[in-house]
Amino acid sequence: MLAVVRIMSSRQRSLTCFGQNVRKLRGVSGFTQERLADKADLDPTYISGIERGVRNPTLLIIVRLAKALGVPLSELCKDIRP
């Protein structure tokens, strides 16, 4: 039987890293997903999808997240490699 090796695409790595950054900063802020969603005027399931790396937020959504978390945009994009 052949072993299946999943290679994460650059796109998926970027989305996963972004989601991890959102989750970390949300935790530092002491926010639940629901609280962050409320502050950013988003649905909590959308926040969950971002944190899991299954959503690809637009720049305007990223700006809203940064504002809600009180961090610069660069913090949300930290360690993302092209």
PDB file of N, CA and C in Angstrom:
ATOM      1  N   MET A   1       0.841  -1.173   0.000  1.00  0.00           N
ATOM      2  CA  MET A   1       0.000   0.000   0.000  1.00  0.00           C
ATOM      3  C   MET A   1       0.893   1.245   0.000  1.00  0.00           C
ATOM      4  N   LEU A   2       0.515   2.205  -0.804  1.00  0.00           N
ATOM      5  CA  LEU A   2       1.282   3.442  -0.886  1.00  0.00           C
ATOM      6  C   LEU A   2       0.861   4.413   0.206  1.00  0.00           C
ATOM      7  N   ALA A   3       1.845   5.038   0.803  1.00  0.00           N
ATOM      8  CA  ALA A   3       1.550   6.063   1.802  1.00  0.00           C
ATOM      9  C   ALA A   3       1.248   7.370   1.067  1.00  0.00           C
ATOM     10  N   VAL A   4       0.239   8.063   1.526  1.00  0.00           N
ATOM     11  CA  VAL A   4      -0.124   9.343   0.927  1.00  0.00           C
ATOM     12  C   VAL A   4       0.528  10.451   1.742  1.00  0.00           C
ATOM     13  N   VAL A   5       1.289  11.263   1.048  1.00  0.00           N
ATOM     14  CA  VAL A   5       1.975  12.378   1.700  1.00  0.00           C
ATOM     15  C   VAL A   5       1.277  13.656   1.278  1.00  0.00           C
ATOM     16  N   ARG A   6       0.806  14.402   2.243  1.00  0.00           N
ATOM     17  CA  ARG A   6       0.160  15.679   1.945  1.00  0.00           C
ATOM     18  C   ARG A   6       1.193  16.786   2.053  1.00  0.00           C
ATOM     19  N   ILE A   7       1.347  17.485   0.989  1.00  0.00           N
ATOM     20  CA  ILE A   7       2.250  18.626   0.976  1.00  0.00           C
ATOM     21  C   ILE A   7       1.392  19.874   1.034  1.00  0.00           C
ATOM     22  N   MET A   8       1.623  20.674   2.060  1.00  0.00           N
ATOM     23  CA  MET A   8       0.835  21.879   2.237  1.00  0.00           C
ATOM     24  C   MET A   8       1.294  22.931   1.232  1.00  0.00           C
ATOM     25  N   SER A   9       0.354  23.476   0.509  1.00  0.00           N
ATOM     26  CA  SER A   9       0.674  24.512  -0.470  1.00  0.00           C
ATOM     27  C   SER A   9       1.087  25.796   0.245  1.00  0.00           C
ATOM     28  N   SER A  10       1.738  26.651  -0.511  1.00  0.00           N
ATOM     29  CA  SER A  10       2.146  27.949   0.027  1.00  0.00           C
ATOM     30  C   SER A  10       0.926  28.727   0.510  1.00  0.00           C
ATOM     31  N   ARG A  11      -0.158  28.642  -0.258  1.00  0.00           N
ATOM     32  CA  ARG A  11      -1.399  29.334   0.117  1.00  0.00           C
ATOM     33  C   ARG A  11      -1.903  28.816   1.453  1.00  0.00           C
ATOM     34  N   GLN A  12      -1.947  27.494   1.597  1.00  0.00           N
ATOM     35  CA  GLN A  12      -2.456  26.901   2.832  1.00  0.00           C
ATOM     36  C   GLN A  12      -1.551  27.216   4.019  1.00  0.00           C
ATOM     37  N   ARG A  13      -0.233  27.199   3.799  1.00  0.00           N
ATOM     38  CA  ARG A  13       0.705  27.560   4.881  1.00  0.00           C
ATOM     39  C   ARG A  13       0.445  28.986   5.343  1.00  0.00           C
ATOM     40  N   SER A  14       0.224  29.889   4.387  1.00  0.00           N
ATOM     41  CA  SER A  14      -0.026  31.296   4.725  1.00  0.00           C
ATOM     42  C   SER A  14      -1.313  31.451   5.522  1.00  0.00           C
ATOM     43  N   LEU A  15      -2.381  30.781   5.071  1.00  0.00           N
ATOM     44  CA  LEU A  15      -3.662  30.872   5.779  1.00  0.00           C
ATOM     45  C   LEU A  15      -3.566  30.258   7.176  1.00  0.00           C
ATOM     46  N   THR A  16      -2.854  29.163   7.296  1.00  0.00           N
ATOM     47  CA  THR A  16      -2.692  28.510   8.596  1.00  0.00           C
ATOM     48  C   THR A  16      -1.892  29.394   9.546  1.00  0.00           C
ATOM     49  N   CYS A  17      -0.804  29.968   9.053  1.00  0.00           N
ATOM     50  CA  CYS A  17       0.017  30.861   9.881  1.00  0.00           C
ATOM     51  C   CYS A  17      -0.785  32.091  10.305  1.00  0.00           C
ATOM     52  N   PHE A  18      -1.526  32.673   9.367  1.00  0.00           N
ATOM     53  CA  PHE A  18      -2.361  33.824   9.697  1.00  0.00           C
ATOM     54  C   PHE A  18      -3.360  33.453  10.791  1.00  0.00           C
ATOM     55  N   GLY A  19      -4.013  32.320  10.634  1.00  0.00           N
ATOM     56  CA  GLY A  19      -4.989  31.865  11.626  1.00  0.00           C
ATOM     57  C   GLY A  19      -4.371  31.649  12.997  1.00  0.00           C
ATOM     58  N   GLN A  20      -3.169  31.095  13.016  1.00  0.00           N
ATOM     59  CA  GLN A  20      -2.474  30.905  14.293  1.00  0.00           C
ATOM     60  C   GLN A  20      -2.161  32.245  14.945  1.00  0.00           C
ATOM     61  N   ASN A  21      -1.790  33.222  14.130  1.00  0.00           N
ATOM     62  CA  ASN A  21      -1.525  34.560  14.668  1.00  0.00           C
ATOM     63  C   ASN A  21      -2.788  35.172  15.263  1.00  0.00           C
ATOM     64  N   VAL A  22      -3.907  35.032  14.566  1.00  0.00           N
ATOM     65  CA  VAL A  22      -5.174  35.562  15.083  1.00  0.00           C
ATOM     66  C   VAL A  22      -5.507  34.884  16.411  1.00  0.00           C
ATOM     67  N   ARG A  23      -5.396  33.567  16.463  1.00  0.00           N
ATOM     68  CA  ARG A  23      -5.720  32.816  17.685  1.00  0.00           C
ATOM     69  C   ARG A  23      -4.818  33.256  18.852  1.00  0.00           C
ATOM     70  N   LYS A  24      -3.522  33.396  18.577  1.00  0.00           N
ATOM     71  CA  LYS A  24      -2.587  33.803  19.624  1.00  0.00           C
ATOM     72  C   LYS A  24      -2.913  35.202  20.147  1.00  0.00           C
ATOM     73  N   LEU A  25      -3.114  36.139  19.231  1.00  0.00           N
ATOM     74  CA  LEU A  25      -3.403  37.518  19.636  1.00  0.00           C
ATOM     75  C   LEU A  25      -4.756  37.634  20.323  1.00  0.00           C
ATOM     76  N   ARG A  26      -5.703  36.830  19.888  1.00  0.00           N
ATOM     77  CA  ARG A  26      -7.015  36.813  20.557  1.00  0.00           C
ATOM     78  C   ARG A  26      -6.853  36.328  21.996  1.00  0.00           C
ATOM     79  N   GLY A  27      -6.040  35.300  22.181  1.00  0.00           N
ATOM     80  CA  GLY A  27      -5.789  34.781  23.531  1.00  0.00           C
ATOM     81  C   GLY A  27      -5.092  35.797  24.418  1.00  0.00           C
ATOM     82  N   VAL A  28      -4.102  36.483  23.857  1.00  0.00           N
ATOM     83  CA  VAL A  28      -3.387  37.525  24.606  1.00  0.00           C
ATOM     84  C   VAL A  28      -4.350  38.633  25.027  1.00  0.00           C
ATOM     85  N   SER A  29      -5.297  38.934  24.154  1.00  0.00           N
ATOM     86  CA  SER A  29      -6.287  39.976  24.446  1.00  0.00           C
ATOM     87  C   SER A  29      -7.361  39.508  25.418  1.00  0.00           C
ATOM     88  N   GLY A  30      -7.419  38.202  25.653  1.00  0.00           N
ATOM     89  CA  GLY A  30      -8.432  37.662  26.557  1.00  0.00           C
ATOM     90  C   GLY A  30      -9.817  37.571  25.931  1.00  0.00           C
ATOM     91  N   PHE A  31      -9.879  37.584  24.605  1.00  0.00           N
ATOM     92  CA  PHE A  31     -11.159  37.532  23.906  1.00  0.00           C
ATOM     93  C   PHE A  31     -11.548  36.100  23.567  1.00  0.00           C
ATOM     94  N   THR A  32     -12.826  35.827  23.624  1.00  0.00           N
ATOM     95  CA  THR A  32     -13.361  34.609  23.040  1.00  0.00           C
ATOM     96  C   THR A  32     -13.541  34.873  21.542  1.00  0.00           C
ATOM     97  N   GLN A  33     -13.796  33.829  20.789  1.00  0.00           N
ATOM     98  CA  GLN A  33     -14.096  34.031  19.373  1.00  0.00           C
ATOM     99  C   GLN A  33     -15.334  34.907  19.220  1.00  0.00           C
ATOM    100  N   GLU A  34     -16.289  34.714  20.099  1.00  0.00           N
ATOM    101  CA  GLU A  34     -17.525  35.501  20.029  1.00  0.00           C
ATOM    102  C   GLU A  34     -17.256  36.976  20.287  1.00  0.00           C
ATOM    103  N   ARG A  35     -16.408  37.268  21.257  1.00  0.00           N
ATOM    104  CA  ARG A  35     -16.094  38.670  21.582  1.00  0.00           C
ATOM    105  C   ARG A  35     -15.332  39.336  20.441  1.00  0.00           C
ATOM    106  N   LEU A  36     -14.359  38.624  19.890  1.00  0.00           N
ATOM    107  CA  LEU A  36     -13.613  39.185  18.758  1.00  0.00           C
ATOM    108  C   LEU A  36     -14.551  39.414  17.573  1.00  0.00           C
ATOM    109  N   ALA A  37     -15.417  38.454  17.311  1.00  0.00           N
ATOM    110  CA  ALA A  37     -16.373  38.600  16.216  1.00  0.00           C
ATOM    111  C   ALA A  37     -17.246  39.835  16.425  1.00  0.00           C
ATOM    112  N   ASP A  38     -17.700  40.039  17.644  1.00  0.00           N
ATOM    113  CA  ASP A  38     -18.529  41.200  17.953  1.00  0.00           C
ATOM    114  C   ASP A  38     -17.759  42.498  17.721  1.00  0.00           C
ATOM    115  N   LYS A  39     -16.524  42.561  18.208  1.00  0.00           N
ATOM    116  CA  LYS A  39     -15.722  43.778  18.057  1.00  0.00           C
ATOM    117  C   LYS A  39     -15.369  44.074  16.600  1.00  0.00           C
ATOM    118  N   ALA A  40     -15.219  43.014  15.794  1.00  0.00           N
ATOM    119  CA  ALA A  40     -14.847  43.189  14.387  1.00  0.00           C
ATOM    120  C   ALA A  40     -16.069  43.160  13.464  1.00  0.00           C
ATOM    121  N   ASP A  41     -17.250  43.036  14.049  1.00  0.00           N
ATOM    122  CA  ASP A  41     -18.501  42.959  13.287  1.00  0.00           C
ATOM    123  C   ASP A  41     -18.466  41.817  12.265  1.00  0.00           C
ATOM    124  N   LEU A  42     -18.079  40.632  12.781  1.00  0.00           N
ATOM    125  CA  LEU A  42     -18.029  39.419  11.977  1.00  0.00           C
ATOM    126  C   LEU A  42     -18.798  38.316  12.683  1.00  0.00           C
ATOM    127  N   ASP A  43     -19.059  37.235  11.981  1.00  0.00           N
ATOM    128  CA  ASP A  43     -19.724  36.088  12.586  1.00  0.00           C
ATOM    129  C   ASP A  43     -18.688  35.221  13.307  1.00  0.00           C
ATOM    130  N   PRO A  44     -19.018  34.688  14.474  1.00  0.00           N
ATOM    131  CA  PRO A  44     -18.057  33.831  15.193  1.00  0.00           C
ATOM    132  C   PRO A  44     -17.581  32.630  14.378  1.00  0.00           C
ATOM    133  N   THR A  45     -18.441  32.090  13.510  1.00  0.00           N
ATOM    134  CA  THR A  45     -18.005  30.956  12.694  1.00  0.00           C
ATOM    135  C   THR A  45     -16.951  31.386  11.671  1.00  0.00           C
ATOM    136  N   TYR A  46     -16.990  32.646  11.270  1.00  0.00           N
ATOM    137  CA  TYR A  46     -15.974  33.165  10.349  1.00  0.00           C
ATOM    138  C   TYR A  46     -14.635  33.266  11.074  1.00  0.00           C
ATOM    139  N   ILE A  47     -14.653  33.724  12.318  1.00  0.00           N
ATOM    140  CA  ILE A  47     -13.427  33.784  13.128  1.00  0.00           C
ATOM    141  C   ILE A  47     -12.857  32.383  13.277  1.00  0.00           C
ATOM    142  N   SER A  48     -13.706  31.420  13.569  1.00  0.00           N
ATOM    143  CA  SER A  48     -13.269  30.033  13.697  1.00  0.00           C
ATOM    144  C   SER A  48     -12.609  29.548  12.410  1.00  0.00           C
ATOM    145  N   GLY A  49     -13.211  29.845  11.278  1.00  0.00           N
ATOM    146  CA  GLY A  49     -12.649  29.441   9.994  1.00  0.00           C
ATOM    147  C   GLY A  49     -11.307  30.080   9.708  1.00  0.00           C
ATOM    148  N   ILE A  50     -11.163  31.351  10.085  1.00  0.00           N
ATOM    149  CA  ILE A  50      -9.872  32.034   9.929  1.00  0.00           C
ATOM    150  C   ILE A  50      -8.821  31.335  10.783  1.00  0.00           C
ATOM    151  N   GLU A  51      -9.148  31.081  12.039  1.00  0.00           N
ATOM    152  CA  GLU A  51      -8.184  30.468  12.957  1.00  0.00           C
ATOM    153  C   GLU A  51      -7.795  29.052  12.528  1.00  0.00           C
ATOM    154  N   ARG A  52      -8.686  28.354  11.836  1.00  0.00           N
ATOM    155  CA  ARG A  52      -8.391  27.001  11.350  1.00  0.00           C
ATOM    156  C   ARG A  52      -7.700  27.008   9.987  1.00  0.00           C
ATOM    157  N   GLY A  53      -7.562  28.183   9.385  1.00  0.00           N
ATOM    158  CA  GLY A  53      -6.904  28.289   8.092  1.00  0.00           C
ATOM    159  C   GLY A  53      -7.761  27.871   6.921  1.00  0.00           C
ATOM    160  N   VAL A  54      -9.076  27.867   7.102  1.00  0.00           N
ATOM    161  CA  VAL A  54      -9.971  27.483   6.004  1.00  0.00           C
ATOM    162  C   VAL A  54     -10.655  28.685   5.358  1.00  0.00           C
ATOM    163  N   ARG A  55     -10.479  29.846   5.924  1.00  0.00           N
ATOM    164  CA  ARG A  55     -11.019  31.079   5.342  1.00  0.00           C
ATOM    165  C   ARG A  55      -9.870  31.931   4.830  1.00  0.00           C
ATOM    166  N   ASN A  56     -10.124  32.660   3.765  1.00  0.00           N
ATOM    167  CA  ASN A  56      -9.142  33.548   3.163  1.00  0.00           C
ATOM    168  C   ASN A  56      -9.689  34.976   3.268  1.00  0.00           C
ATOM    169  N   PRO A  57      -9.442  35.646   4.410  1.00  0.00           N
ATOM    170  CA  PRO A  57     -10.042  36.966   4.625  1.00  0.00           C
ATOM    171  C   PRO A  57      -9.470  38.027   3.689  1.00  0.00           C
ATOM    172  N   THR A  58     -10.318  38.970   3.331  1.00  0.00           N
ATOM    173  CA  THR A  58      -9.885  40.093   2.500  1.00  0.00           C
ATOM    174  C   THR A  58      -9.065  41.063   3.351  1.00  0.00           C
ATOM    175  N   LEU A  59      -8.415  41.978   2.667  1.00  0.00           N
ATOM    176  CA  LEU A  59      -7.639  42.999   3.370  1.00  0.00           C
ATOM    177  C   LEU A  59      -8.521  43.810   4.320  1.00  0.00           C
ATOM    178  N   LEU A  60      -9.726  44.125   3.903  1.00  0.00           N
ATOM    179  CA  LEU A  60     -10.622  44.907   4.763  1.00  0.00           C
ATOM    180  C   LEU A  60     -10.998  44.136   6.029  1.00  0.00           C
ATOM    181  N   ILE A  61     -11.165  42.835   5.932  1.00  0.00           N
ATOM    182  CA  ILE A  61     -11.441  42.007   7.110  1.00  0.00           C
ATOM    183  C   ILE A  61     -10.219  41.982   8.015  1.00  0.00           C
ATOM    184  N   ILE A  62      -9.035  41.868   7.420  1.00  0.00           N
ATOM    185  CA  ILE A  62      -7.801  41.855   8.213  1.00  0.00           C
ATOM    186  C   ILE A  62      -7.633  43.176   8.964  1.00  0.00           C
ATOM    187  N   VAL A  63      -7.970  44.271   8.317  1.00  0.00           N
ATOM    188  CA  VAL A  63      -7.912  45.580   8.977  1.00  0.00           C
ATOM    189  C   VAL A  63      -8.876  45.611  10.159  1.00  0.00           C
ATOM    190  N   ARG A  64     -10.088  45.099   9.979  1.00  0.00           N
ATOM    191  CA  ARG A  64     -11.060  45.067  11.078  1.00  0.00           C
ATOM    192  C   ARG A  64     -10.564  44.205  12.233  1.00  0.00           C
ATOM    193  N   LEU A  65      -9.936  43.069  11.920  1.00  0.00           N
ATOM    194  CA  LEU A  65      -9.395  42.210  12.978  1.00  0.00           C
ATOM    195  C   LEU A  65      -8.283  42.921  13.745  1.00  0.00           C
ATOM    196  N   ALA A  66      -7.373  43.569  13.013  1.00  0.00           N
ATOM    197  CA  ALA A  66      -6.274  44.283  13.661  1.00  0.00           C
ATOM    198  C   ALA A  66      -6.814  45.372  14.583  1.00  0.00           C
ATOM    199  N   LYS A  67      -7.794  46.112  14.110  1.00  0.00           N
ATOM    200  CA  LYS A  67      -8.395  47.175  14.923  1.00  0.00           C
ATOM    201  C   LYS A  67      -9.065  46.592  16.166  1.00  0.00           C
ATOM    202  N   ALA A  68      -9.817  45.507  15.991  1.00  0.00           N
ATOM    203  CA  ALA A  68     -10.507  44.888  17.122  1.00  0.00           C
ATOM    204  C   ALA A  68      -9.524  44.342  18.153  1.00  0.00           C
ATOM    205  N   LEU A  69      -8.396  43.831  17.681  1.00  0.00           N
ATOM    206  CA  LEU A  69      -7.382  43.275  18.582  1.00  0.00           C
ATOM    207  C   LEU A  69      -6.426  44.341  19.123  1.00  0.00           C
ATOM    208  N   GLY A  70      -6.461  45.533  18.528  1.00  0.00           N
ATOM    209  CA  GLY A  70      -5.579  46.615  18.969  1.00  0.00           C
ATOM    210  C   GLY A  70      -4.126  46.368  18.621  1.00  0.00           C
ATOM    211  N   VAL A  71      -3.905  45.768  17.443  1.00  0.00           N
ATOM    212  CA  VAL A  71      -2.531  45.471  17.015  1.00  0.00           C
ATOM    213  C   VAL A  71      -2.316  46.003  15.605  1.00  0.00           C
ATOM    214  N   PRO A  72      -1.047  46.233  15.225  1.00  0.00           N
ATOM    215  CA  PRO A  72      -0.784  46.629  13.837  1.00  0.00           C
ATOM    216  C   PRO A  72      -0.998  45.441  12.893  1.00  0.00           C
ATOM    217  N   LEU A  73      -1.295  45.745  11.646  1.00  0.00           N
ATOM    218  CA  LEU A  73      -1.492  44.693  10.642  1.00  0.00           C
ATOM    219  C   LEU A  73      -0.301  43.738  10.594  1.00  0.00           C
ATOM    220  N   SER A  74       0.878  44.262  10.768  1.00  0.00           N
ATOM    221  CA  SER A  74       2.083  43.427  10.677  1.00  0.00           C
ATOM    222  C   SER A  74       2.083  42.296  11.698  1.00  0.00           C
ATOM    223  N   GLU A  75       1.447  42.498  12.840  1.00  0.00           N
ATOM    224  CA  GLU A  75       1.381  41.430  13.850  1.00  0.00           C
ATOM    225  C   GLU A  75       0.534  40.259  13.378  1.00  0.00           C
ATOM    226  N   LEU A  76      -0.510  40.545  12.638  1.00  0.00           N
ATOM    227  CA  LEU A  76      -1.355  39.474  12.114  1.00  0.00           C
ATOM    228  C   LEU A  76      -0.649  38.681  11.014  1.00  0.00           C
ATOM    229  N   CYS A  77       0.279  39.341  10.319  1.00  0.00           N
ATOM    230  CA  CYS A  77       0.975  38.699   9.214  1.00  0.00           C
ATOM    231  C   CYS A  77       2.369  38.202   9.583  1.00  0.00           C
ATOM    232  N   LYS A  78       2.691  38.239  10.842  1.00  0.00           N
ATOM    233  CA  LYS A  78       4.013  37.834  11.315  1.00  0.00           C
ATOM    234  C   LYS A  78       4.318  36.386  10.924  1.00  0.00           C
ATOM    235  N   ASP A  79       5.520  36.165  10.437  1.00  0.00           N
ATOM    236  CA  ASP A  79       6.050  34.840  10.077  1.00  0.00           C
ATOM    237  C   ASP A  79       5.393  34.207   8.858  1.00  0.00           C
ATOM    238  N   ILE A  80       4.576  34.948   8.133  1.00  0.00           N
ATOM    239  CA  ILE A  80       4.010  34.411   6.894  1.00  0.00           C
ATOM    240  C   ILE A  80       5.068  34.567   5.798  1.00  0.00           C
ATOM    241  N   ARG A  81       5.363  33.456   5.146  1.00  0.00           N
ATOM    242  CA  ARG A  81       6.354  33.453   4.077  1.00  0.00           C
ATOM    243  C   ARG A  81       5.660  33.266   2.738  1.00  0.00           C
ATOM    244  N   PRO A  82       6.130  34.010   1.711  1.00  0.00           N
ATOM    245  CA  PRO A  82       5.528  33.861   0.379  1.00  0.00           C
ATOM    246  C   PRO A  82       5.809  32.497  -0.233  1.00  0.00           C
TER     247      PRO A  82
END
